[in-house]
Amino acid sequence: MSENTIEELIQKISDSLVLSRHLFLWIDKFHLCEGVRHWFASTELKIVDLITWEKHKIGMGYRSRRKSEYLMILQKTLSYYRIKRWRQF
Protein backbone atom coordinates (compact mmCIF):
# COMPACT_ATOMS: atom_id res chain seq x y z
CA MET A 1 0.00 0.00 0.00
CA SER A 2 1.43 3.39 -0.93
CA GLU A 3 2.07 6.19 1.58
CA ASN A 4 -0.57 8.36 -0.15
CA THR A 5 -3.19 5.63 0.17
CA ILE A 6 -2.40 5.22 3.88
CA GLU A 7 -2.64 8.98 4.46
CA GLU A 8 -6.00 9.16 2.63
CA LEU A 9 -7.36 6.23 4.64
CA ILE A 10 -6.26 7.75 7.96
CA GLN A 11 -7.83 11.10 6.94
CA LYS A 12 -11.15 9.36 6.25
CA ILE A 13 -10.97 7.47 9.54
CA SER A 14 -10.23 10.71 11.38
CA ASP A 15 -13.20 12.43 9.73
CA SER A 16 -15.60 9.68 10.81
CA LEU A 17 -14.12 8.91 14.23
CA VAL A 18 -16.12 10.15 17.21
CA LEU A 19 -14.35 12.61 19.50
CA SER A 20 -12.19 11.09 22.24
CA ARG A 21 -12.21 7.71 20.46
CA HIS A 22 -9.12 5.79 19.41
CA LEU A 23 -7.50 4.42 16.27
CA PHE A 24 -5.27 1.38 16.79
CA LEU A 25 -2.64 1.32 14.05
CA TRP A 26 -0.40 -1.73 13.62
CA ILE A 27 3.03 -0.65 12.38
CA ASP A 28 6.23 -2.47 11.60
CA LYS A 29 9.71 -1.63 12.90
CA PHE A 30 10.63 0.25 9.72
CA HIS A 31 7.77 2.70 10.15
CA LEU A 32 8.35 2.88 13.89
CA CYS A 33 11.93 4.02 13.25
CA GLU A 34 11.24 6.21 10.20
CA GLY A 35 8.18 7.86 11.65
CA VAL A 36 4.57 7.96 10.58
CA ARG A 37 3.53 11.34 11.98
CA HIS A 38 3.08 12.76 8.46
CA TRP A 39 0.31 10.17 7.86
CA PHE A 40 -1.97 12.00 10.28
CA ALA A 41 -0.51 15.53 10.33
CA SER A 42 -3.66 17.01 8.76
CA THR A 43 -6.02 15.23 11.18
CA GLU A 44 -7.05 15.73 14.78
CA LEU A 45 -5.39 12.44 15.75
CA LYS A 46 -2.58 12.51 18.32
CA ILE A 47 -0.30 9.68 19.45
CA VAL A 48 -1.27 8.66 22.98
CA ASP A 49 0.43 5.28 23.46
CA LEU A 50 2.45 2.45 21.93
CA ILE A 51 1.97 -1.21 22.78
CA THR A 52 4.74 -3.71 22.04
CA TRP A 53 4.42 -7.45 22.42
CA GLU A 54 6.49 -10.53 21.79
CA LYS A 55 4.94 -12.86 19.24
CA HIS A 56 7.01 -15.90 20.31
CA LYS A 57 8.12 -16.60 16.74
CA ILE A 58 11.02 -15.06 14.89
CA GLY A 59 9.71 -13.10 11.93
CA MET A 60 11.17 -12.49 8.52
CA GLY A 61 13.44 -9.48 8.44
CA TYR A 62 15.63 -7.73 5.91
CA ARG A 63 18.54 -6.89 8.21
CA SER A 64 17.40 -8.50 11.41
CA ARG A 65 14.73 -10.96 12.44
CA ARG A 66 12.34 -9.65 15.06
CA LYS A 67 10.04 -11.25 17.61
CA SER A 68 8.05 -8.11 18.43
CA GLU A 69 5.10 -6.27 16.95
CA TYR A 70 3.93 -2.72 17.58
CA LEU A 71 0.54 -1.10 17.96
CA MET A 72 0.39 2.70 17.88
CA ILE A 73 -2.64 4.18 19.60
CA LEU A 74 -3.98 7.50 18.35
CA GLN A 75 -6.83 9.52 19.82
CA LYS A 76 -9.07 12.05 18.17
CA THR A 77 -8.61 15.14 20.30
CA LEU A 78 -10.79 18.14 20.84
CA SER A 79 -9.56 21.32 19.21
CA TYR A 80 -10.26 24.69 20.85
CA TYR A 81 -13.09 25.32 18.36
CA ARG A 82 -14.66 21.92 18.99
CA ILE A 83 -14.45 22.35 22.77
CA LYS A 84 -16.24 25.67 22.46
CA ARG A 85 -18.97 24.14 20.25
CA TRP A 86 -19.23 21.01 22.42
CA ARG A 87 -19.83 23.07 25.59
CA GLN A 88 -22.79 24.80 23.96
CA PHE A 89 -24.83 21.58 24.09
PDB file of N, CA and C in Angstrom:
ATOM      1  N   MET A   1       0.849  -1.165   0.000  1.00  0.00           N
ATOM      2  CA  MET A   1       0.000   0.000   0.000  1.00  0.00           C
ATOM      3  C   MET A   1       0.901   1.236   0.000  1.00  0.00           C
ATOM      4  N   SER A   2       0.587   2.200  -0.827  1.00  0.00           N
ATOM      5  CA  SER A   2       1.431   3.394  -0.931  1.00  0.00           C
ATOM      6  C   SER A   2       1.200   4.329   0.254  1.00  0.00           C
ATOM      7  N   GLU A   3       2.162   5.211   0.485  1.00  0.00           N
ATOM      8  CA  GLU A   3       2.066   6.190   1.576  1.00  0.00           C
ATOM      9  C   GLU A   3       0.842   7.089   1.370  1.00  0.00           C
ATOM     10  N   ASN A   4       0.589   7.495   0.129  1.00  0.00           N
ATOM     11  CA  ASN A   4      -0.568   8.359  -0.151  1.00  0.00           C
ATOM     12  C   ASN A   4      -1.881   7.668   0.185  1.00  0.00           C
ATOM     13  N   THR A   5      -1.988   6.388  -0.135  1.00  0.00           N
ATOM     14  CA  THR A   5      -3.192   5.625   0.171  1.00  0.00           C
ATOM     15  C   THR A   5      -3.396   5.535   1.680  1.00  0.00           C
ATOM     16  N   ILE A   6      -2.318   5.296   2.418  1.00  0.00           N
ATOM     17  CA  ILE A   6      -2.399   5.218   3.877  1.00  0.00           C
ATOM     18  C   ILE A   6      -2.848   6.552   4.451  1.00  0.00           C
ATOM     19  N   GLU A   7      -2.267   7.648   3.972  1.00  0.00           N
ATOM     20  CA  GLU A   7      -2.644   8.980   4.458  1.00  0.00           C
ATOM     21  C   GLU A   7      -4.114   9.282   4.166  1.00  0.00           C
ATOM     22  N   GLU A   8      -4.594   8.936   2.982  1.00  0.00           N
ATOM     23  CA  GLU A   8      -6.002   9.158   2.632  1.00  0.00           C
ATOM     24  C   GLU A   8      -6.923   8.341   3.538  1.00  0.00           C
ATOM     25  N   LEU A   9      -6.558   7.095   3.780  1.00  0.00           N
ATOM     26  CA  LEU A   9      -7.356   6.227   4.640  1.00  0.00           C
ATOM     27  C   LEU A   9      -7.417   6.784   6.057  1.00  0.00           C
ATOM     28  N   ILE A  10      -6.283   7.202   6.606  1.00  0.00           N
ATOM     29  CA  ILE A  10      -6.258   7.754   7.956  1.00  0.00           C
ATOM     30  C   ILE A  10      -7.065   9.040   8.033  1.00  0.00           C
ATOM     31  N   GLN A  11      -7.027   9.865   6.975  1.00  0.00           N
ATOM     32  CA  GLN A  11      -7.829  11.097   6.942  1.00  0.00           C
ATOM     33  C   GLN A  11      -9.318  10.754   6.999  1.00  0.00           C
ATOM     34  N   LYS A  12      -9.740   9.758   6.247  1.00  0.00           N
ATOM     35  CA  LYS A  12     -11.147   9.355   6.246  1.00  0.00           C
ATOM     36  C   LYS A  12     -11.568   8.774   7.597  1.00  0.00           C
ATOM     37  N   ILE A  13     -10.679   8.007   8.209  1.00  0.00           N
ATOM     38  CA  ILE A  13     -10.969   7.466   9.543  1.00  0.00           C
ATOM     39  C   ILE A  13     -11.103   8.613  10.535  1.00  0.00           C
ATOM     40  N   SER A  14     -10.192   9.560  10.471  1.00  0.00           N
ATOM     41  CA  SER A  14     -10.232  10.708  11.377  1.00  0.00           C
ATOM     42  C   SER A  14     -11.528  11.498  11.218  1.00  0.00           C
ATOM     43  N   ASP A  15     -11.971  11.676   9.988  1.00  0.00           N
ATOM     44  CA  ASP A  15     -13.200  12.428   9.730  1.00  0.00           C
ATOM     45  C   ASP A  15     -14.432  11.739  10.327  1.00  0.00           C
ATOM     46  N   SER A  16     -14.424  10.414  10.336  1.00  0.00           N
ATOM     47  CA  SER A  16     -15.603   9.683  10.808  1.00  0.00           C
ATOM     48  C   SER A  16     -15.494   9.232  12.265  1.00  0.00           C
ATOM     49  N   LEU A  17     -14.319   9.359  12.863  1.00  0.00           N
ATOM     50  CA  LEU A  17     -14.117   8.911  14.232  1.00  0.00           C
ATOM     51  C   LEU A  17     -14.769   9.881  15.213  1.00  0.00           C
ATOM     52  N   VAL A  18     -15.467   9.344  16.185  1.00  0.00           N
ATOM     53  CA  VAL A  18     -16.118  10.152  17.211  1.00  0.00           C
ATOM     54  C   VAL A  18     -15.043  10.752  18.118  1.00  0.00           C
ATOM     55  N   LEU A  19     -15.314  11.944  18.621  1.00  0.00           N
ATOM     56  CA  LEU A  19     -14.352  12.614  19.499  1.00  0.00           C
ATOM     57  C   LEU A  19     -13.996  11.754  20.703  1.00  0.00           C
ATOM     58  N   SER A  20     -12.743  11.823  21.106  1.00  0.00           N
ATOM     59  CA  SER A  20     -12.185  11.087  22.240  1.00  0.00           C
ATOM     60  C   SER A  20     -12.118   9.582  22.007  1.00  0.00           C
ATOM     61  N   ARG A  21     -12.347   9.123  20.785  1.00  0.00           N
ATOM     62  CA  ARG A  21     -12.213   7.707  20.457  1.00  0.00           C
ATOM     63  C   ARG A  21     -10.828   7.450  19.892  1.00  0.00           C
ATOM     64  N   HIS A  22     -10.483   6.170  19.753  1.00  0.00           N
ATOM     65  CA  HIS A  22      -9.120   5.788  19.407  1.00  0.00           C
ATOM     66  C   HIS A  22      -9.027   5.053  18.075  1.00  0.00           C
ATOM     67  N   LEU A  23      -7.878   5.192  17.453  1.00  0.00           N
ATOM     68  CA  LEU A  23      -7.498   4.422  16.274  1.00  0.00           C
ATOM     69  C   LEU A  23      -6.296   3.585  16.675  1.00  0.00           C
ATOM     70  N   PHE A  24      -6.379   2.280  16.497  1.00  0.00           N
ATOM     71  CA  PHE A  24      -5.271   1.378  16.786  1.00  0.00           C
ATOM     72  C   PHE A  24      -4.602   1.051  15.455  1.00  0.00           C
ATOM     73  N   LEU A  25      -3.341   1.424  15.317  1.00  0.00           N
ATOM     74  CA  LEU A  25      -2.636   1.317  14.051  1.00  0.00           C
ATOM     75  C   LEU A  25      -1.436   0.387  14.196  1.00  0.00           C
ATOM     76  N   TRP A  26      -1.524  -0.795  13.585  1.00  0.00           N
ATOM     77  CA  TRP A  26      -0.403  -1.726  13.618  1.00  0.00           C
ATOM     78  C   TRP A  26       0.678  -1.199  12.699  1.00  0.00           C
ATOM     79  N   ILE A  27       1.911  -1.115  13.197  1.00  0.00           N
ATOM     80  CA  ILE A  27       3.031  -0.648  12.382  1.00  0.00           C
ATOM     81  C   ILE A  27       4.197  -1.610  12.534  1.00  0.00           C
ATOM     82  N   ASP A  28       5.045  -1.635  11.534  1.00  0.00           N
ATOM     83  CA  ASP A  28       6.231  -2.473  11.604  1.00  0.00           C
ATOM     84  C   ASP A  28       7.412  -1.643  12.108  1.00  0.00           C
ATOM     85  N   LYS A  29       8.548  -2.311  12.335  1.00  0.00           N
ATOM     86  CA  LYS A  29       9.706  -1.631  12.899  1.00  0.00           C
ATOM     87  C   LYS A  29      10.237  -0.548  11.963  1.00  0.00           C
ATOM     88  N   PHE A  30      10.169  -0.764  10.668  1.00  0.00           N
ATOM     89  CA  PHE A  30      10.634   0.246   9.719  1.00  0.00           C
ATOM     90  C   PHE A  30       9.881   1.554   9.926  1.00  0.00           C
ATOM     91  N   HIS A  31       8.564   1.487   9.975  1.00  0.00           N
ATOM     92  CA  HIS A  31       7.769   2.700  10.152  1.00  0.00           C
ATOM     93  C   HIS A  31       7.905   3.268  11.562  1.00  0.00           C
ATOM     94  N   LEU A  32       8.113   2.404  12.533  1.00  0.00           N
ATOM     95  CA  LEU A  32       8.346   2.882  13.891  1.00  0.00           C
ATOM     96  C   LEU A  32       9.615   3.731  13.948  1.00  0.00           C
ATOM     97  N   CYS A  33      10.645   3.291  13.259  1.00  0.00           N
ATOM     98  CA  CYS A  33      11.926   4.020  13.248  1.00  0.00           C
ATOM     99  C   CYS A  33      11.889   5.239  12.333  1.00  0.00           C
ATOM    100  N   GLU A  34      11.279   5.111  11.175  1.00  0.00           N
ATOM    101  CA  GLU A  34      11.244   6.207  10.195  1.00  0.00           C
ATOM    102  C   GLU A  34      10.236   7.285  10.556  1.00  0.00           C
ATOM    103  N   GLY A  35       9.213   6.909  11.250  1.00  0.00           N
ATOM    104  CA  GLY A  35       8.182   7.859  11.646  1.00  0.00           C
ATOM    105  C   GLY A  35       6.981   7.813  10.733  1.00  0.00           C
ATOM    106  N   VAL A  36       5.820   7.979  11.325  1.00  0.00           N
ATOM    107  CA  VAL A  36       4.566   7.956  10.577  1.00  0.00           C
ATOM    108  C   VAL A  36       3.731   9.202  10.861  1.00  0.00           C
ATOM    109  N   ARG A  37       4.283  10.143  11.574  1.00  0.00           N
ATOM    110  CA  ARG A  37       3.533  11.342  11.982  1.00  0.00           C
ATOM    111  C   ARG A  37       2.916  12.065  10.782  1.00  0.00           C
ATOM    112  N   HIS A  38       3.604  12.067   9.643  1.00  0.00           N
ATOM    113  CA  HIS A  38       3.076  12.757   8.462  1.00  0.00           C
ATOM    114  C   HIS A  38       1.793  12.106   7.944  1.00  0.00           C
ATOM    115  N   TRP A  39       1.528  10.840   8.296  1.00  0.00           N
ATOM    116  CA  TRP A  39       0.307  10.175   7.857  1.00  0.00           C
ATOM    117  C   TRP A  39      -0.926  10.847   8.437  1.00  0.00           C
ATOM    118  N   PHE A  40      -0.811  11.398   9.639  1.00  0.00           N
ATOM    119  CA  PHE A  40      -1.974  12.004  10.283  1.00  0.00           C
ATOM    120  C   PHE A  40      -1.734  13.453  10.698  1.00  0.00           C
ATOM    121  N   ALA A  41      -0.817  14.126  10.023  1.00  0.00           N
ATOM    122  CA  ALA A  41      -0.505  15.528  10.328  1.00  0.00           C
ATOM    123  C   ALA A  41      -1.696  16.447  10.082  1.00  0.00           C
ATOM    124  N   SER A  42      -2.519  16.143   9.087  1.00  0.00           N
ATOM    125  CA  SER A  42      -3.656  17.012   8.758  1.00  0.00           C
ATOM    126  C   SER A  42      -4.949  16.568   9.443  1.00  0.00           C
ATOM    127  N   THR A  43      -4.839  15.702  10.448  1.00  0.00           N
ATOM    128  CA  THR A  43      -6.018  15.227  11.176  1.00  0.00           C
ATOM    129  C   THR A  43      -5.982  15.739  12.614  1.00  0.00           C
ATOM    130  N   GLU A  44      -6.997  15.385  13.359  1.00  0.00           N
ATOM    131  CA  GLU A  44      -7.045  15.730  14.777  1.00  0.00           C
ATOM    132  C   GLU A  44      -6.550  14.567  15.642  1.00  0.00           C
ATOM    133  N   LEU A  45      -5.888  13.595  15.016  1.00  0.00           N
ATOM    134  CA  LEU A  45      -5.391  12.436  15.748  1.00  0.00           C
ATOM    135  C   LEU A  45      -4.018  12.735  16.357  1.00  0.00           C
ATOM    136  N   LYS A  46      -3.847  12.328  17.605  1.00  0.00           N
ATOM    137  CA  LYS A  46      -2.580  12.507  18.319  1.00  0.00           C
ATOM    138  C   LYS A  46      -2.133  11.160  18.878  1.00  0.00           C
ATOM    139  N   ILE A  47      -0.833  10.911  18.875  1.00  0.00           N
ATOM    140  CA  ILE A  47      -0.296   9.675  19.448  1.00  0.00           C
ATOM    141  C   ILE A  47      -0.469   9.737  20.958  1.00  0.00           C
ATOM    142  N   VAL A  48      -1.086   8.699  21.534  1.00  0.00           N
ATOM    143  CA  VAL A  48      -1.268   8.662  22.978  1.00  0.00           C
ATOM    144  C   VAL A  48      -0.575   7.469  23.638  1.00  0.00           C
ATOM    145  N   ASP A  49      -0.221   6.442  22.856  1.00  0.00           N
ATOM    146  CA  ASP A  49       0.432   5.285  23.462  1.00  0.00           C
ATOM    147  C   ASP A  49       1.025   4.384  22.382  1.00  0.00           C
ATOM    148  N   LEU A  50       1.866   3.467  22.808  1.00  0.00           N
ATOM    149  CA  LEU A  50       2.447   2.451  21.928  1.00  0.00           C
ATOM    150  C   LEU A  50       2.504   1.157  22.717  1.00  0.00           C
ATOM    151  N   ILE A  51       1.936   0.101  22.152  1.00  0.00           N
ATOM    152  CA  ILE A  51       1.971  -1.213  22.785  1.00  0.00           C
ATOM    153  C   ILE A  51       2.915  -2.099  21.976  1.00  0.00           C
ATOM    154  N   THR A  52       3.800  -2.777  22.673  1.00  0.00           N
ATOM    155  CA  THR A  52       4.740  -3.706  22.040  1.00  0.00           C
ATOM    156  C   THR A  52       4.547  -5.076  22.683  1.00  0.00           C
ATOM    157  N   TRP A  53       4.546  -6.114  21.868  1.00  0.00           N
ATOM    158  CA  TRP A  53       4.422  -7.451  22.424  1.00  0.00           C
ATOM    159  C   TRP A  53       5.325  -8.415  21.685  1.00  0.00           C
ATOM    160  N   GLU A  54       5.677  -9.476  22.385  1.00  0.00           N
ATOM    161  CA  GLU A  54       6.488 -10.531  21.795  1.00  0.00           C
ATOM    162  C   GLU A  54       5.552 -11.551  21.175  1.00  0.00           C
ATOM    163  N   LYS A  55       5.829 -11.919  19.922  1.00  0.00           N
ATOM    164  CA  LYS A  55       4.937 -12.856  19.235  1.00  0.00           C
ATOM    165  C   LYS A  55       5.418 -14.304  19.309  1.00  0.00           C
ATOM    166  N   HIS A  56       6.491 -14.561  20.026  1.00  0.00           N
ATOM    167  CA  HIS A  56       7.013 -15.902  20.307  1.00  0.00           C
ATOM    168  C   HIS A  56       7.518 -16.663  19.080  1.00  0.00           C
ATOM    169  N   LYS A  57       7.538 -16.003  17.941  1.00  0.00           N
ATOM    170  CA  LYS A  57       8.121 -16.604  16.744  1.00  0.00           C
ATOM    171  C   LYS A  57       9.018 -15.563  16.101  1.00  0.00           C
ATOM    172  N   ILE A  58      10.131 -15.992  15.579  1.00  0.00           N
ATOM    173  CA  ILE A  58      11.018 -15.063  14.894  1.00  0.00           C
ATOM    174  C   ILE A  58      10.424 -14.775  13.521  1.00  0.00           C
ATOM    175  N   GLY A  59      10.297 -13.503  13.199  1.00  0.00           N
ATOM    176  CA  GLY A  59       9.715 -13.103  11.929  1.00  0.00           C
ATOM    177  C   GLY A  59      10.754 -13.010  10.833  1.00  0.00           C
ATOM    178  N   MET A  60      10.282 -12.702   9.657  1.00  0.00           N
ATOM    179  CA  MET A  60      11.167 -12.490   8.524  1.00  0.00           C
ATOM    180  C   MET A  60      11.644 -11.044   8.573  1.00  0.00           C
ATOM    181  N   GLY A  61      12.910 -10.835   8.395  1.00  0.00           N
ATOM    182  CA  GLY A  61      13.445  -9.484   8.441  1.00  0.00           C
ATOM    183  C   GLY A  61      14.483  -9.283   7.359  1.00  0.00           C
ATOM    184  N   TYR A  62      14.647  -8.053   6.940  1.00  0.00           N
ATOM    185  CA  TYR A  62      15.627  -7.729   5.909  1.00  0.00           C
ATOM    186  C   TYR A  62      17.032  -7.721   6.492  1.00  0.00           C
ATOM    187  N   ARG A  63      17.221  -6.958   7.570  1.00  0.00           N
ATOM    188  CA  ARG A  63      18.539  -6.894   8.212  1.00  0.00           C
ATOM    189  C   ARG A  63      18.587  -7.703   9.494  1.00  0.00           C
ATOM    190  N   SER A  64      17.479  -7.743  10.162  1.00  0.00           N
ATOM    191  CA  SER A  64      17.405  -8.499  11.414  1.00  0.00           C
ATOM    192  C   SER A  64      16.037  -9.177  11.500  1.00  0.00           C
ATOM    193  N   ARG A  65      15.988 -10.233  12.264  1.00  0.00           N
ATOM    194  CA  ARG A  65      14.733 -10.960  12.437  1.00  0.00           C
ATOM    195  C   ARG A  65      14.171 -10.595  13.797  1.00  0.00           C
ATOM    196  N   ARG A  66      12.933 -10.170  13.835  1.00  0.00           N
ATOM    197  CA  ARG A  66      12.342  -9.654  15.058  1.00  0.00           C
ATOM    198  C   ARG A  66      11.271 -10.585  15.614  1.00  0.00           C
ATOM    199  N   LYS A  67      11.083 -10.476  16.933  1.00  0.00           N
ATOM    200  CA  LYS A  67      10.041 -11.248  17.609  1.00  0.00           C
ATOM    201  C   LYS A  67       8.975 -10.339  18.212  1.00  0.00           C
ATOM    202  N   SER A  68       9.002  -9.066  17.854  1.00  0.00           N
ATOM    203  CA  SER A  68       8.054  -8.108  18.434  1.00  0.00           C
ATOM    204  C   SER A  68       7.165  -7.493  17.363  1.00  0.00           C
ATOM    205  N   GLU A  69       6.000  -7.037  17.809  1.00  0.00           N
ATOM    206  CA  GLU A  69       5.100  -6.272  16.954  1.00  0.00           C
ATOM    207  C   GLU A  69       4.685  -5.028  17.723  1.00  0.00           C
ATOM    208  N   TYR A  70       4.207  -4.025  16.987  1.00  0.00           N
ATOM    209  CA  TYR A  70       3.931  -2.718  17.580  1.00  0.00           C
ATOM    210  C   TYR A  70       2.541  -2.241  17.204  1.00  0.00           C
ATOM    211  N   LEU A  71       1.865  -1.649  18.169  1.00  0.00           N
ATOM    212  CA  LEU A  71       0.535  -1.102  17.956  1.00  0.00           C
ATOM    213  C   LEU A  71       0.544   0.343  18.451  1.00  0.00           C
ATOM    214  N   MET A  72       0.423   1.285  17.524  1.00  0.00           N
ATOM    215  CA  MET A  72       0.387   2.697  17.876  1.00  0.00           C
ATOM    216  C   MET A  72      -1.064   3.078  18.141  1.00  0.00           C
ATOM    217  N   ILE A  73      -1.290   3.782  19.232  1.00  0.00           N
ATOM    218  CA  ILE A  73      -2.642   4.183  19.598  1.00  0.00           C
ATOM    219  C   ILE A  73      -2.758   5.688  19.440  1.00  0.00           C
ATOM    220  N   LEU A  74      -3.724   6.089  18.609  1.00  0.00           N
ATOM    221  CA  LEU A  74      -3.977   7.504  18.346  1.00  0.00           C
ATOM    222  C   LEU A  74      -5.362   7.847  18.874  1.00  0.00           C
ATOM    223  N   GLN A  75      -5.534   9.084  19.314  1.00  0.00           N
ATOM    224  CA  GLN A  75      -6.828   9.519  19.823  1.00  0.00           C
ATOM    225  C   GLN A  75      -7.250  10.783  19.104  1.00  0.00           C
ATOM    226  N   LYS A  76      -8.532  10.841  18.769  1.00  0.00           N
ATOM    227  CA  LYS A  76      -9.068  12.052  18.171  1.00  0.00           C
ATOM    228  C   LYS A  76      -9.285  13.059  19.297  1.00  0.00           C
ATOM    229  N   THR A  77      -8.577  14.160  19.226  1.00  0.00           N
ATOM    230  CA  THR A  77      -8.610  15.138  20.298  1.00  0.00           C
ATOM    231  C   THR A  77      -9.571  16.269  19.980  1.00  0.00           C
ATOM    232  N   LEU A  78      -9.919  16.984  20.997  1.00  0.00           N
ATOM    233  CA  LEU A  78     -10.790  18.141  20.842  1.00  0.00           C
ATOM    234  C   LEU A  78      -9.951  19.387  20.572  1.00  0.00           C
ATOM    235  N   SER A  79     -10.222  20.051  19.475  1.00  0.00           N
ATOM    236  CA  SER A  79      -9.560  21.321  19.211  1.00  0.00           C
ATOM    237  C   SER A  79     -10.263  22.406  20.010  1.00  0.00           C
ATOM    238  N   TYR A  80      -9.663  23.576  20.105  1.00  0.00           N
ATOM    239  CA  TYR A  80     -10.264  24.689  20.846  1.00  0.00           C
ATOM    240  C   TYR A  80     -11.651  25.001  20.303  1.00  0.00           C
ATOM    241  N   TYR A  81     -11.795  25.030  18.989  1.00  0.00           N
ATOM    242  CA  TYR A  81     -13.086  25.319  18.359  1.00  0.00           C
ATOM    243  C   TYR A  81     -14.122  24.260  18.726  1.00  0.00           C
ATOM    244  N   ARG A  82     -13.724  23.003  18.678  1.00  0.00           N
ATOM    245  CA  ARG A  82     -14.665  21.922  18.993  1.00  0.00           C
ATOM    246  C   ARG A  82     -15.061  21.940  20.463  1.00  0.00           C
ATOM    247  N   ILE A  83     -14.130  22.266  21.346  1.00  0.00           N
ATOM    248  CA  ILE A  83     -14.453  22.353  22.766  1.00  0.00           C
ATOM    249  C   ILE A  83     -15.504  23.434  22.980  1.00  0.00           C
ATOM    250  N   LYS A  84     -15.312  24.561  22.337  1.00  0.00           N
ATOM    251  CA  LYS A  84     -16.241  25.673  22.462  1.00  0.00           C
ATOM    252  C   LYS A  84     -17.636  25.280  21.959  1.00  0.00           C
ATOM    253  N   ARG A  85     -17.687  24.603  20.809  1.00  0.00           N
ATOM    254  CA  ARG A  85     -18.973  24.136  20.254  1.00  0.00           C
ATOM    255  C   ARG A  85     -19.600  23.060  21.123  1.00  0.00           C
ATOM    256  N   TRP A  86     -18.764  22.141  21.621  1.00  0.00           N
ATOM    257  CA  TRP A  86     -19.227  21.014  22.416  1.00  0.00           C
ATOM    258  C   TRP A  86     -19.862  21.514  23.716  1.00  0.00           C
ATOM    259  N   ARG A  87     -19.313  22.543  24.324  1.00  0.00           N
ATOM    260  CA  ARG A  87     -19.834  23.071  25.589  1.00  0.00           C
ATOM    261  C   ARG A  87     -21.168  23.785  25.410  1.00  0.00           C
ATOM    262  N   GLN A  88     -21.521  24.135  24.192  1.00  0.00           N
ATOM    263  CA  GLN A  88     -22.791  24.802  23.955  1.00  0.00           C
ATOM    264  C   GLN A  88     -23.978  23.848  24.117  1.00  0.00           C
ATOM    265  N   PHE A  89     -23.735  22.552  24.016  1.00  0.00           N
ATOM    266  CA  PHE A  89     -24.832  21.580  24.085  1.00  0.00           C
ATOM    267  C   PHE A  89     -25.177  21.213  25.495  1.00  0.00           C
TER     268      PHE A  89
END
